[in-house]
């Protein structure tokens, strides 16, 4: 991919399926962020996809921050920060 122009466009992830318009994609990302944060807060982590930087910003409550490209990278980084696996489907 060209760093200057972003061509060719990077393919989206499966969580973006069905989002046809820019507004649909934005709405889906905001809803996805809310779910992710409900899963991460009990572990002292917060994710932000504010659109100001590419990717997803992951932070601890103490301020350690990392930016990841997508959801698979987010879960890998969560596990690295926690020092153990995290099953997002476990209740």
C-alpha atoms as a PDB file:
ATOM      1  CA  UNK A   1       0.000   0.000   0.000  1.00  0.00           C
ATOM      2  CA  UNK A   2       1.202   3.474  -0.820  1.00  0.00           C
ATOM      3  CA  UNK A   3       1.750   5.490   2.380  1.00  0.00           C
ATOM      4  CA  UNK A   4       1.024   8.745   0.599  1.00  0.00           C
ATOM      5  CA  UNK A   5      -2.302   7.978  -1.055  1.00  0.00           C
ATOM      6  CA  UNK A   6      -3.500   4.759   0.595  1.00  0.00           C
ATOM      7  CA  UNK A   7      -3.937   2.962  -2.722  1.00  0.00           C
ATOM      8  CA  UNK A   8      -4.907   0.212  -3.041  1.00  0.00           C
ATOM      9  CA  UNK A   9      -7.404   0.471  -0.230  1.00  0.00           C
ATOM     10  CA  UNK A  10      -6.907  -1.985   2.582  1.00  0.00           C
ATOM     11  CA  UNK A  11      -9.761  -4.491   2.697  1.00  0.00           C
ATOM     12  CA  UNK A  12     -12.135  -4.117   5.628  1.00  0.00           C
ATOM     13  CA  UNK A  13     -12.629  -6.645   8.374  1.00  0.00           C
ATOM     14  CA  UNK A  14     -15.656  -8.901   8.691  1.00  0.00           C
ATOM     15  CA  UNK A  15     -17.199  -6.630  11.339  1.00  0.00           C
ATOM     16  CA  UNK A  16     -17.724  -3.986   8.660  1.00  0.00           C
ATOM     17  CA  UNK A  17     -19.836  -6.272   6.481  1.00  0.00           C
ATOM     18  CA  UNK A  18     -23.154  -4.709   5.529  1.00  0.00           C
ATOM     19  CA  UNK A  19     -22.049  -1.130   6.183  1.00  0.00           C
ATOM     20  CA  UNK A  20     -22.681   0.395   2.764  1.00  0.00           C
ATOM     21  CA  UNK A  21     -22.431   4.128   3.418  1.00  0.00           C
ATOM     22  CA  UNK A  22     -19.919   6.164   5.388  1.00  0.00           C
ATOM     23  CA  UNK A  23     -22.606   6.870   7.985  1.00  0.00           C
ATOM     24  CA  UNK A  24     -23.319   3.133   8.319  1.00  0.00           C
ATOM     25  CA  UNK A  25     -19.602   2.435   8.836  1.00  0.00           C
ATOM     26  CA  UNK A  26     -19.316   5.199  11.426  1.00  0.00           C
ATOM     27  CA  UNK A  27     -22.386   3.972  13.294  1.00  0.00           C
ATOM     28  CA  UNK A  28     -21.076   0.386  13.250  1.00  0.00           C
ATOM     29  CA  UNK A  29     -17.652   1.461  14.550  1.00  0.00           C
ATOM     30  CA  UNK A  30     -19.203   3.467  17.406  1.00  0.00           C
ATOM     31  CA  UNK A  31     -21.417   0.550  18.412  1.00  0.00           C
ATOM     32  CA  UNK A  32     -18.464  -1.821  18.150  1.00  0.00           C
ATOM     33  CA  UNK A  33     -16.372   0.506  20.347  1.00  0.00           C
ATOM     34  CA  UNK A  34     -19.060   0.562  23.035  1.00  0.00           C
ATOM     35  CA  UNK A  35     -19.163  -3.246  23.151  1.00  0.00           C
ATOM     36  CA  UNK A  36     -15.376  -3.516  23.239  1.00  0.00           C
ATOM     37  CA  UNK A  37     -15.154  -1.073  26.133  1.00  0.00           C
ATOM     38  CA  UNK A  38     -17.789  -2.961  28.125  1.00  0.00           C
ATOM     39  CA  UNK A  39     -15.530  -6.024  27.785  1.00  0.00           C
ATOM     40  CA  UNK A  40     -12.278  -4.199  28.573  1.00  0.00           C
ATOM     41  CA  UNK A  41     -13.218  -1.874  31.458  1.00  0.00           C
ATOM     42  CA  UNK A  42     -13.343  -4.621  34.109  1.00  0.00           C
ATOM     43  CA  UNK A  43      -9.721  -5.382  33.144  1.00  0.00           C
ATOM     44  CA  UNK A  44      -8.568  -1.756  33.446  1.00  0.00           C
ATOM     45  CA  UNK A  45      -8.352  -1.121  29.700  1.00  0.00           C
ATOM     46  CA  UNK A  46     -10.068   1.364  27.398  1.00  0.00           C
ATOM     47  CA  UNK A  47     -10.236   1.364  23.588  1.00  0.00           C
ATOM     48  CA  UNK A  48     -10.869   4.437  21.460  1.00  0.00           C
ATOM     49  CA  UNK A  49     -11.609   4.674  17.763  1.00  0.00           C
ATOM     50  CA  UNK A  50     -12.109   8.419  17.591  1.00  0.00           C
ATOM     51  CA  UNK A  51     -11.061   8.815  13.990  1.00  0.00           C
ATOM     52  CA  UNK A  52      -8.259  11.294  14.734  1.00  0.00           C
ATOM     53  CA  UNK A  53      -5.565   8.661  14.218  1.00  0.00           C
ATOM     54  CA  UNK A  54      -5.779   5.573  12.061  1.00  0.00           C
ATOM     55  CA  UNK A  55      -6.464   2.394  13.958  1.00  0.00           C
ATOM     56  CA  UNK A  56      -7.711   1.760  17.479  1.00  0.00           C
ATOM     57  CA  UNK A  57      -6.052   3.305  20.523  1.00  0.00           C
ATOM     58  CA  UNK A  58      -5.784   0.955  23.504  1.00  0.00           C
ATOM     59  CA  UNK A  59      -4.889   2.386  26.909  1.00  0.00           C
ATOM     60  CA  UNK A  60      -4.501   1.235  30.481  1.00  0.00           C
ATOM     61  CA  UNK A  61      -5.862   3.244  33.404  1.00  0.00           C
ATOM     62  CA  UNK A  62      -2.262   4.199  34.223  1.00  0.00           C
ATOM     63  CA  UNK A  63      -1.764   5.787  30.803  1.00  0.00           C
ATOM     64  CA  UNK A  64       0.165   3.164  28.837  1.00  0.00           C
ATOM     65  CA  UNK A  65      -1.116   3.504  25.275  1.00  0.00           C
ATOM     66  CA  UNK A  66      -0.673   1.655  21.992  1.00  0.00           C
ATOM     67  CA  UNK A  67      -2.316   2.046  18.585  1.00  0.00           C
ATOM     68  CA  UNK A  68      -3.342  -1.108  16.703  1.00  0.00           C
ATOM     69  CA  UNK A  69      -4.576  -1.527  13.146  1.00  0.00           C
ATOM     70  CA  UNK A  70      -7.671  -3.696  13.586  1.00  0.00           C
ATOM     71  CA  UNK A  71      -9.670  -5.976  15.888  1.00  0.00           C
ATOM     72  CA  UNK A  72      -7.392  -9.034  15.650  1.00  0.00           C
ATOM     73  CA  UNK A  73      -4.413  -6.840  16.589  1.00  0.00           C
ATOM     74  CA  UNK A  74      -6.465  -5.267  19.396  1.00  0.00           C
ATOM     75  CA  UNK A  75      -7.127  -8.632  21.059  1.00  0.00           C
ATOM     76  CA  UNK A  76      -3.466  -9.623  20.711  1.00  0.00           C
ATOM     77  CA  UNK A  77      -2.394  -6.378  22.373  1.00  0.00           C
ATOM     78  CA  UNK A  78      -5.011  -6.777  25.133  1.00  0.00           C
ATOM     79  CA  UNK A  79      -3.544 -10.180  25.959  1.00  0.00           C
ATOM     80  CA  UNK A  80      -0.015  -8.760  25.911  1.00  0.00           C
ATOM     81  CA  UNK A  81      -0.980  -5.906  28.253  1.00  0.00           C
ATOM     82  CA  UNK A  82      -2.847  -8.221  30.629  1.00  0.00           C
ATOM     83  CA  UNK A  83      -0.162 -10.892  30.509  1.00  0.00           C
ATOM     84  CA  UNK A  84      -2.780 -13.584  29.985  1.00  0.00           C
ATOM     85  CA  UNK A  85      -5.378 -14.646  27.424  1.00  0.00           C
ATOM     86  CA  UNK A  86      -8.730 -12.866  27.455  1.00  0.00           C
ATOM     87  CA  UNK A  87     -11.810 -14.547  26.051  1.00  0.00           C
ATOM     88  CA  UNK A  88     -14.157 -11.751  24.961  1.00  0.00           C
ATOM     89  CA  UNK A  89     -17.065 -14.217  24.929  1.00  0.00           C
ATOM     90  CA  UNK A  90     -16.575 -15.356  28.530  1.00  0.00           C
ATOM     91  CA  UNK A  91     -19.135 -13.825  30.868  1.00  0.00           C
END
